[in-house]
Amino acid sequence: MNMSKATGWQGATARAREFYVLDTPPGSLLALMLHLIAARDEVAVADVGLAKVRYELSDPAALHEALNTHCPPIVLPDSSKADRAVPHWPHYPTADPVQMRRAWLLANANGPAETALAWPGEAQVIPYPGPDRRASFFLRAVDSLQGALDTALLAQADGVPLHSQVQVVGGAHDGLQGRISAVVWGRDDALRCVTVPASYRIYSLGVDAPHVPATAVRPLPAG
């Protein structure tokens, strides 16, 4: 595929920096996703909507498989773990595939935050991580990206912001007051993007209401 500079890795990393420090697992994952979608849709990175990125995050296993294909195993110019650890890899004047592979390795490092990173093998297909989000940098990066993109997309859609105090009007939870903890998006599977908030998850004392229709949620006055 003929990739212009606008669809290349430099454009992806520049845009990812608007949300995260690049040399972190979420920053690396976001840059890789932007590059993947731009290449798949044959558009400039700047034209990849956040709604498309959020759509891909809804299936982490499928995303992981796609990125494994997008960032195939390669032999890096040097094999020193120190040289591809935070914060060194973004500054190497190497070809895009090498930088992308470094980013993919960083996104798949694992281990509790208080211990040294455990790196996957550079010349192997990286397996999908187990369900323990405390050990999996990839799954924690997915969680972080979902929260960041939900915040941005809710602002674009004039939705109720996360963590807002709200009241439910109508339905099974009529009158419930609580705090929004998550949003469930409508989906356009043909365009591969999320659309508008379909429902919210609301926590109150002793009550977990996971699918309250967006039309039934009213923000409470601040204070």
C-alpha atoms as a PDB file:
ATOM      1  CA  MET A   1       0.000   0.000   0.000  1.00  0.00           C
ATOM      2  CA  ASN A   2       1.278   3.474  -0.865  1.00  0.00           C
ATOM      3  CA  MET A   3       1.442   5.307   2.437  1.00  0.00           C
ATOM      4  CA  SER A   4       1.998   9.073   2.337  1.00  0.00           C
ATOM      5  CA  LYS A   5       3.577  10.995   5.194  1.00  0.00           C
ATOM      6  CA  ALA A   6       0.073  12.008   6.246  1.00  0.00           C
ATOM      7  CA  THR A   7      -0.846   8.383   6.872  1.00  0.00           C
ATOM      8  CA  GLY A   8       2.532   7.375   8.271  1.00  0.00           C
ATOM      9  CA  TRP A   9       3.862   6.614  11.693  1.00  0.00           C
ATOM     10  CA  GLN A  10       5.018  10.166  12.387  1.00  0.00           C
ATOM     11  CA  GLY A  11       1.493  11.459  11.887  1.00  0.00           C
ATOM     12  CA  ALA A  12       0.122   8.747  14.183  1.00  0.00           C
ATOM     13  CA  THR A  13       2.580   9.478  16.980  1.00  0.00           C
ATOM     14  CA  ALA A  14       2.018  13.221  16.726  1.00  0.00           C
ATOM     15  CA  ARG A  15      -1.721  12.771  17.104  1.00  0.00           C
ATOM     16  CA  ALA A  16      -1.365  10.247  19.934  1.00  0.00           C
ATOM     17  CA  ARG A  17       0.647  12.840  21.868  1.00  0.00           C
ATOM     18  CA  GLU A  18      -2.489  14.982  22.060  1.00  0.00           C
ATOM     19  CA  PHE A  19      -3.804  12.438  24.579  1.00  0.00           C
ATOM     20  CA  TYR A  20      -0.797  10.675  26.126  1.00  0.00           C
ATOM     21  CA  VAL A  21       2.924  10.778  26.589  1.00  0.00           C
ATOM     22  CA  LEU A  22       4.010   8.596  23.700  1.00  0.00           C
ATOM     23  CA  ASP A  23       6.391   6.335  25.604  1.00  0.00           C
ATOM     24  CA  THR A  24       3.612   4.754  27.662  1.00  0.00           C
ATOM     25  CA  PRO A  25       1.512   1.683  26.806  1.00  0.00           C
ATOM     26  CA  PRO A  26      -1.675   3.742  26.150  1.00  0.00           C
ATOM     27  CA  GLY A  27       0.241   6.254  24.025  1.00  0.00           C
ATOM     28  CA  SER A  28       1.853   3.476  22.034  1.00  0.00           C
ATOM     29  CA  LEU A  29      -1.449   1.650  21.582  1.00  0.00           C
ATOM     30  CA  LEU A  30      -3.276   4.784  20.430  1.00  0.00           C
ATOM     31  CA  ALA A  31      -0.575   5.580  17.848  1.00  0.00           C
ATOM     32  CA  LEU A  32      -0.714   2.010  16.549  1.00  0.00           C
ATOM     33  CA  MET A  33      -4.509   2.095  16.289  1.00  0.00           C
ATOM     34  CA  LEU A  34      -4.476   5.388  14.404  1.00  0.00           C
ATOM     35  CA  HIS A  35      -1.892   4.001  11.982  1.00  0.00           C
ATOM     36  CA  LEU A  36      -3.806   0.733  11.559  1.00  0.00           C
ATOM     37  CA  ILE A  37      -7.135   2.432  10.804  1.00  0.00           C
ATOM     38  CA  ALA A  38      -5.534   4.977   8.456  1.00  0.00           C
ATOM     39  CA  ALA A  39      -3.862   2.170   6.506  1.00  0.00           C
ATOM     40  CA  ARG A  40      -7.011   0.029   6.421  1.00  0.00           C
ATOM     41  CA  ASP A  41      -9.284   2.890   5.305  1.00  0.00           C
ATOM     42  CA  GLU A  42      -6.615   4.508   3.090  1.00  0.00           C
ATOM     43  CA  VAL A  43      -7.024   7.936   4.676  1.00  0.00           C
ATOM     44  CA  ALA A  44      -4.724  10.395   6.405  1.00  0.00           C
ATOM     45  CA  VAL A  45      -4.189   9.850  10.125  1.00  0.00           C
ATOM     46  CA  ALA A  46      -5.725  13.279  10.736  1.00  0.00           C
ATOM     47  CA  ASP A  47      -8.934  12.011   9.130  1.00  0.00           C
ATOM     48  CA  VAL A  48      -9.332   9.018  11.460  1.00  0.00           C
ATOM     49  CA  GLY A  49     -12.238   9.901  13.730  1.00  0.00           C
ATOM     50  CA  LEU A  50     -12.034   9.108  17.415  1.00  0.00           C
ATOM     51  CA  ALA A  51     -15.349   7.298  17.007  1.00  0.00           C
ATOM     52  CA  LYS A  52     -13.564   4.745  14.812  1.00  0.00           C
ATOM     53  CA  VAL A  53     -10.809   4.231  17.381  1.00  0.00           C
ATOM     54  CA  ARG A  54     -13.391   3.741  20.136  1.00  0.00           C
ATOM     55  CA  TYR A  55     -15.240   1.170  18.011  1.00  0.00           C
ATOM     56  CA  GLU A  56     -12.119  -1.003  17.725  1.00  0.00           C
ATOM     57  CA  LEU A  57     -11.549  -0.876  21.493  1.00  0.00           C
ATOM     58  CA  SER A  58     -14.857  -2.657  22.093  1.00  0.00           C
ATOM     59  CA  ASP A  59     -13.267  -5.973  21.020  1.00  0.00           C
ATOM     60  CA  PRO A  60      -9.754  -6.072  22.527  1.00  0.00           C
ATOM     61  CA  ALA A  61      -9.064  -9.623  21.327  1.00  0.00           C
ATOM     62  CA  ALA A  62      -9.841  -8.773  17.691  1.00  0.00           C
ATOM     63  CA  LEU A  63      -7.835  -5.550  17.999  1.00  0.00           C
ATOM     64  CA  HIS A  64      -4.866  -7.468  19.387  1.00  0.00           C
ATOM     65  CA  GLU A  65      -4.980  -9.906  16.487  1.00  0.00           C
ATOM     66  CA  ALA A  66      -5.176  -7.086  13.945  1.00  0.00           C
ATOM     67  CA  LEU A  67      -2.219  -5.270  15.489  1.00  0.00           C
ATOM     68  CA  ASN A  68      -0.187  -8.478  15.608  1.00  0.00           C
ATOM     69  CA  THR A  69      -0.664  -8.655  11.842  1.00  0.00           C
ATOM     70  CA  HIS A  70       0.014  -4.930  11.422  1.00  0.00           C
ATOM     71  CA  CYS A  71       3.231  -5.098  13.479  1.00  0.00           C
ATOM     72  CA  PRO A  72       4.777  -8.445  12.474  1.00  0.00           C
ATOM     73  CA  PRO A  73       7.799  -9.867  14.299  1.00  0.00           C
ATOM     74  CA  ILE A  74      11.070  -8.329  13.142  1.00  0.00           C
ATOM     75  CA  VAL A  75      14.649  -8.352  14.309  1.00  0.00           C
ATOM     76  CA  LEU A  76      15.306  -4.992  15.900  1.00  0.00           C
ATOM     77  CA  PRO A  77      18.598  -3.205  15.196  1.00  0.00           C
ATOM     78  CA  ASP A  78      19.720  -3.824  18.758  1.00  0.00           C
ATOM     79  CA  SER A  79      18.492  -6.414  21.231  1.00  0.00           C
ATOM     80  CA  SER A  80      19.210  -4.550  24.450  1.00  0.00           C
ATOM     81  CA  LYS A  81      16.113  -4.345  26.590  1.00  0.00           C
ATOM     82  CA  ALA A  82      17.372  -1.068  28.030  1.00  0.00           C
ATOM     83  CA  ASP A  83      17.443   0.485  24.554  1.00  0.00           C
ATOM     84  CA  ARG A  84      13.815  -0.226  23.849  1.00  0.00           C
ATOM     85  CA  ALA A  85      12.539   0.564  27.314  1.00  0.00           C
ATOM     86  CA  VAL A  86      10.828   3.785  28.314  1.00  0.00           C
ATOM     87  CA  PRO A  87      11.728   6.492  27.428  1.00  0.00           C
ATOM     88  CA  HIS A  88      14.282   5.689  24.722  1.00  0.00           C
ATOM     89  CA  TRP A  89      12.495   4.051  21.815  1.00  0.00           C
ATOM     90  CA  PRO A  90      10.692   7.099  20.318  1.00  0.00           C
ATOM     91  CA  HIS A  91      13.971   8.942  19.755  1.00  0.00           C
ATOM     92  CA  TYR A  92      15.715   6.366  17.565  1.00  0.00           C
ATOM     93  CA  PRO A  93      16.162   7.472  13.915  1.00  0.00           C
ATOM     94  CA  THR A  94      14.947   4.145  12.603  1.00  0.00           C
ATOM     95  CA  ALA A  95      12.495   3.067   9.935  1.00  0.00           C
ATOM     96  CA  ASP A  96       8.785   3.179  10.741  1.00  0.00           C
ATOM     97  CA  PRO A  97       8.316  -0.621  11.028  1.00  0.00           C
ATOM     98  CA  VAL A  98      11.018  -0.744  13.710  1.00  0.00           C
ATOM     99  CA  GLN A  99       9.451   2.088  15.685  1.00  0.00           C
ATOM    100  CA  MET A 100       6.044   0.456  15.370  1.00  0.00           C
ATOM    101  CA  ARG A 101       7.392  -2.856  16.620  1.00  0.00           C
ATOM    102  CA  ARG A 102       8.962  -1.102  19.603  1.00  0.00           C
ATOM    103  CA  ALA A 103       5.592   0.493  20.344  1.00  0.00           C
ATOM    104  CA  TRP A 104       3.849  -2.881  20.091  1.00  0.00           C
ATOM    105  CA  LEU A 105       6.369  -4.433  22.474  1.00  0.00           C
ATOM    106  CA  LEU A 106       5.809  -1.603  24.944  1.00  0.00           C
ATOM    107  CA  ALA A 107       2.023  -1.969  24.712  1.00  0.00           C
ATOM    108  CA  ASN A 108       2.416  -5.681  25.527  1.00  0.00           C
ATOM    109  CA  ALA A 109       4.904  -5.451  28.356  1.00  0.00           C
ATOM    110  CA  ASN A 110       3.494  -6.871  31.553  1.00  0.00           C
ATOM    111  CA  GLY A 111       3.903  -7.132  35.283  1.00  0.00           C
ATOM    112  CA  PRO A 112       2.679  -5.230  38.333  1.00  0.00           C
ATOM    113  CA  ALA A 113       3.476  -1.536  38.143  1.00  0.00           C
ATOM    114  CA  GLU A 114       5.921  -1.745  41.055  1.00  0.00           C
ATOM    115  CA  THR A 115       8.158  -4.328  39.349  1.00  0.00           C
ATOM    116  CA  ALA A 116      10.442  -4.237  36.320  1.00  0.00           C
ATOM    117  CA  LEU A 117       8.715  -4.665  32.967  1.00  0.00           C
ATOM    118  CA  ALA A 118       8.620  -8.119  31.432  1.00  0.00           C
ATOM    119  CA  TRP A 119       9.047  -7.795  27.663  1.00  0.00           C
ATOM    120  CA  PRO A 120       7.628 -10.131  25.030  1.00  0.00           C
ATOM    121  CA  GLY A 121      10.039 -11.649  22.541  1.00  0.00           C
ATOM    122  CA  GLU A 122      10.752  -9.239  19.710  1.00  0.00           C
ATOM    123  CA  ALA A 123      10.722 -11.893  16.974  1.00  0.00           C
ATOM    124  CA  GLN A 124       7.552 -13.734  17.928  1.00  0.00           C
ATOM    125  CA  VAL A 125       3.831 -13.251  17.525  1.00  0.00           C
ATOM    126  CA  ILE A 126       2.638 -11.813  20.807  1.00  0.00           C
ATOM    127  CA  PRO A 127      -0.160 -13.866  22.415  1.00  0.00           C
ATOM    128  CA  TYR A 128      -3.321 -12.227  23.665  1.00  0.00           C
ATOM    129  CA  PRO A 129      -2.908 -11.581  27.402  1.00  0.00           C
ATOM    130  CA  GLY A 130      -4.756 -13.358  30.157  1.00  0.00           C
ATOM    131  CA  PRO A 131      -7.658 -11.676  31.936  1.00  0.00           C
ATOM    132  CA  ASP A 132      -5.578 -10.209  34.807  1.00  0.00           C
ATOM    133  CA  ARG A 133      -5.617  -6.477  34.091  1.00  0.00           C
ATOM    134  CA  ARG A 134      -3.129  -5.885  36.928  1.00  0.00           C
ATOM    135  CA  ALA A 135      -0.463  -7.764  34.978  1.00  0.00           C
ATOM    136  CA  SER A 136      -1.418  -6.959  31.385  1.00  0.00           C
ATOM    137  CA  PHE A 137      -0.251  -3.601  30.082  1.00  0.00           C
ATOM    138  CA  PHE A 138      -2.294  -4.142  26.911  1.00  0.00           C
ATOM    139  CA  LEU A 139      -5.600  -4.550  28.758  1.00  0.00           C
ATOM    140  CA  ARG A 140      -4.820  -1.649  31.081  1.00  0.00           C
ATOM    141  CA  ALA A 141      -4.001   0.477  28.026  1.00  0.00           C
ATOM    142  CA  VAL A 142      -7.365  -0.497  26.501  1.00  0.00           C
ATOM    143  CA  ASP A 143      -9.139   0.571  29.696  1.00  0.00           C
ATOM    144  CA  SER A 144      -7.249   3.871  29.773  1.00  0.00           C
ATOM    145  CA  LEU A 145      -7.965   4.608  26.116  1.00  0.00           C
ATOM    146  CA  GLN A 146     -11.654   3.822  26.530  1.00  0.00           C
ATOM    147  CA  GLY A 147     -11.927   6.336  29.361  1.00  0.00           C
ATOM    148  CA  ALA A 148     -10.014   9.053  27.508  1.00  0.00           C
ATOM    149  CA  LEU A 149     -11.973   8.617  24.284  1.00  0.00           C
ATOM    150  CA  ASP A 150     -15.316   8.376  26.084  1.00  0.00           C
ATOM    151  CA  THR A 151     -14.577  11.739  27.719  1.00  0.00           C
ATOM    152  CA  ALA A 152     -13.724  13.338  24.375  1.00  0.00           C
ATOM    153  CA  LEU A 153     -16.599  11.753  22.446  1.00  0.00           C
ATOM    154  CA  LEU A 154     -19.201  12.618  25.085  1.00  0.00           C
ATOM    155  CA  ALA A 155     -18.125  16.250  24.814  1.00  0.00           C
ATOM    156  CA  GLN A 156     -18.462  16.093  21.009  1.00  0.00           C
ATOM    157  CA  ALA A 157     -21.902  14.442  21.242  1.00  0.00           C
ATOM    158  CA  ASP A 158     -23.135  16.812  23.963  1.00  0.00           C
ATOM    159  CA  GLY A 159     -23.598  13.769  26.200  1.00  0.00           C
ATOM    160  CA  VAL A 160     -23.578  13.667  29.973  1.00  0.00           C
ATOM    161  CA  PRO A 161     -19.917  13.591  31.145  1.00  0.00           C
ATOM    162  CA  LEU A 162     -18.556  10.601  33.019  1.00  0.00           C
ATOM    163  CA  HIS A 163     -18.724  10.844  36.829  1.00  0.00           C
ATOM    164  CA  SER A 164     -21.612  13.352  36.667  1.00  0.00           C
ATOM    165  CA  GLN A 165     -24.289  13.218  39.326  1.00  0.00           C
ATOM    166  CA  VAL A 166     -27.562  12.359  37.587  1.00  0.00           C
ATOM    167  CA  GLN A 167     -31.165  11.348  38.151  1.00  0.00           C
ATOM    168  CA  VAL A 168     -33.061   8.697  36.226  1.00  0.00           C
ATOM    169  CA  VAL A 169     -36.428   9.716  34.819  1.00  0.00           C
ATOM    170  CA  GLY A 170     -38.746   6.824  33.968  1.00  0.00           C
ATOM    171  CA  GLY A 171     -38.193   3.111  33.580  1.00  0.00           C
ATOM    172  CA  ALA A 172     -37.200   0.497  36.141  1.00  0.00           C
ATOM    173  CA  HIS A 173     -34.875   2.897  37.990  1.00  0.00           C
ATOM    174  CA  ASP A 174     -37.149   5.930  37.960  1.00  0.00           C
ATOM    175  CA  GLY A 175     -36.025   8.477  40.549  1.00  0.00           C
ATOM    176  CA  LEU A 176     -32.612   6.874  41.121  1.00  0.00           C
ATOM    177  CA  GLN A 177     -29.839   9.375  41.803  1.00  0.00           C
ATOM    178  CA  GLY A 178     -26.241   8.369  41.345  1.00  0.00           C
ATOM    179  CA  ARG A 179     -23.017   8.896  39.431  1.00  0.00           C
ATOM    180  CA  ILE A 180     -22.251   7.882  35.842  1.00  0.00           C
ATOM    181  CA  SER A 181     -19.423   5.347  35.740  1.00  0.00           C
ATOM    182  CA  ALA A 182     -19.509   4.272  32.087  1.00  0.00           C
ATOM    183  CA  VAL A 183     -21.202   4.889  28.761  1.00  0.00           C
ATOM    184  CA  VAL A 184     -22.452   2.323  26.233  1.00  0.00           C
ATOM    185  CA  TRP A 185     -22.239   3.631  22.675  1.00  0.00           C
ATOM    186  CA  GLY A 186     -24.476   3.030  19.733  1.00  0.00           C
ATOM    187  CA  ARG A 187     -22.563   1.378  16.878  1.00  0.00           C
ATOM    188  CA  ASP A 188     -22.457   1.656  13.112  1.00  0.00           C
ATOM    189  CA  ASP A 189     -20.958  -1.670  12.034  1.00  0.00           C
ATOM    190  CA  ALA A 190     -20.865  -0.675   8.369  1.00  0.00           C
ATOM    191  CA  LEU A 191     -18.727   2.394   9.057  1.00  0.00           C
ATOM    192  CA  ARG A 192     -16.958   0.739  12.018  1.00  0.00           C
ATOM    193  CA  CYS A 193     -17.547   3.604  14.417  1.00  0.00           C
ATOM    194  CA  VAL A 194     -19.530   4.419  17.528  1.00  0.00           C
ATOM    195  CA  THR A 195     -22.344   6.931  17.174  1.00  0.00           C
ATOM    196  CA  VAL A 196     -24.193   8.465  20.147  1.00  0.00           C
ATOM    197  CA  PRO A 197     -24.603   7.369  23.775  1.00  0.00           C
ATOM    198  CA  ALA A 198     -27.136   4.535  23.942  1.00  0.00           C
ATOM    199  CA  SER A 199     -27.092   4.031  27.702  1.00  0.00           C
ATOM    200  CA  TYR A 200     -25.159   4.833  30.846  1.00  0.00           C
ATOM    201  CA  ARG A 201     -24.040   2.784  33.813  1.00  0.00           C
ATOM    202  CA  ILE A 202     -25.030   4.461  37.050  1.00  0.00           C
ATOM    203  CA  TYR A 203     -23.854   3.660  40.550  1.00  0.00           C
ATOM    204  CA  SER A 204     -25.744   4.693  43.640  1.00  0.00           C
ATOM    205  CA  LEU A 205     -25.586   3.443  47.221  1.00  0.00           C
ATOM    206  CA  GLY A 206     -26.232  -0.283  46.969  1.00  0.00           C
ATOM    207  CA  VAL A 207     -27.501  -0.008  43.395  1.00  0.00           C
ATOM    208  CA  ASP A 208     -25.702  -0.782  40.143  1.00  0.00           C
ATOM    209  CA  ALA A 209     -27.818   0.168  37.125  1.00  0.00           C
ATOM    210  CA  PRO A 210     -25.720  -0.927  34.106  1.00  0.00           C
ATOM    211  CA  HIS A 211     -28.013  -0.077  31.175  1.00  0.00           C
ATOM    212  CA  VAL A 212     -30.013   3.080  31.831  1.00  0.00           C
ATOM    213  CA  PRO A 213     -31.180   4.529  28.468  1.00  0.00           C
ATOM    214  CA  ALA A 214     -29.467   7.827  27.675  1.00  0.00           C
ATOM    215  CA  THR A 215     -32.870   9.450  27.137  1.00  0.00           C
ATOM    216  CA  ALA A 216     -33.755   8.736  30.790  1.00  0.00           C
ATOM    217  CA  VAL A 217     -30.666  10.348  32.330  1.00  0.00           C
ATOM    218  CA  ARG A 218     -30.805  13.923  33.600  1.00  0.00           C
ATOM    219  CA  PRO A 219     -27.801  15.782  35.070  1.00  0.00           C
ATOM    220  CA  LEU A 220     -28.282  17.141  38.565  1.00  0.00           C
ATOM    221  CA  PRO A 221     -27.299  20.732  39.324  1.00  0.00           C
ATOM    222  CA  ALA A 222     -23.733  21.080  40.588  1.00  0.00           C
ATOM    223  CA  GLY A 223     -23.346  21.505  44.317  1.00  0.00           C
END
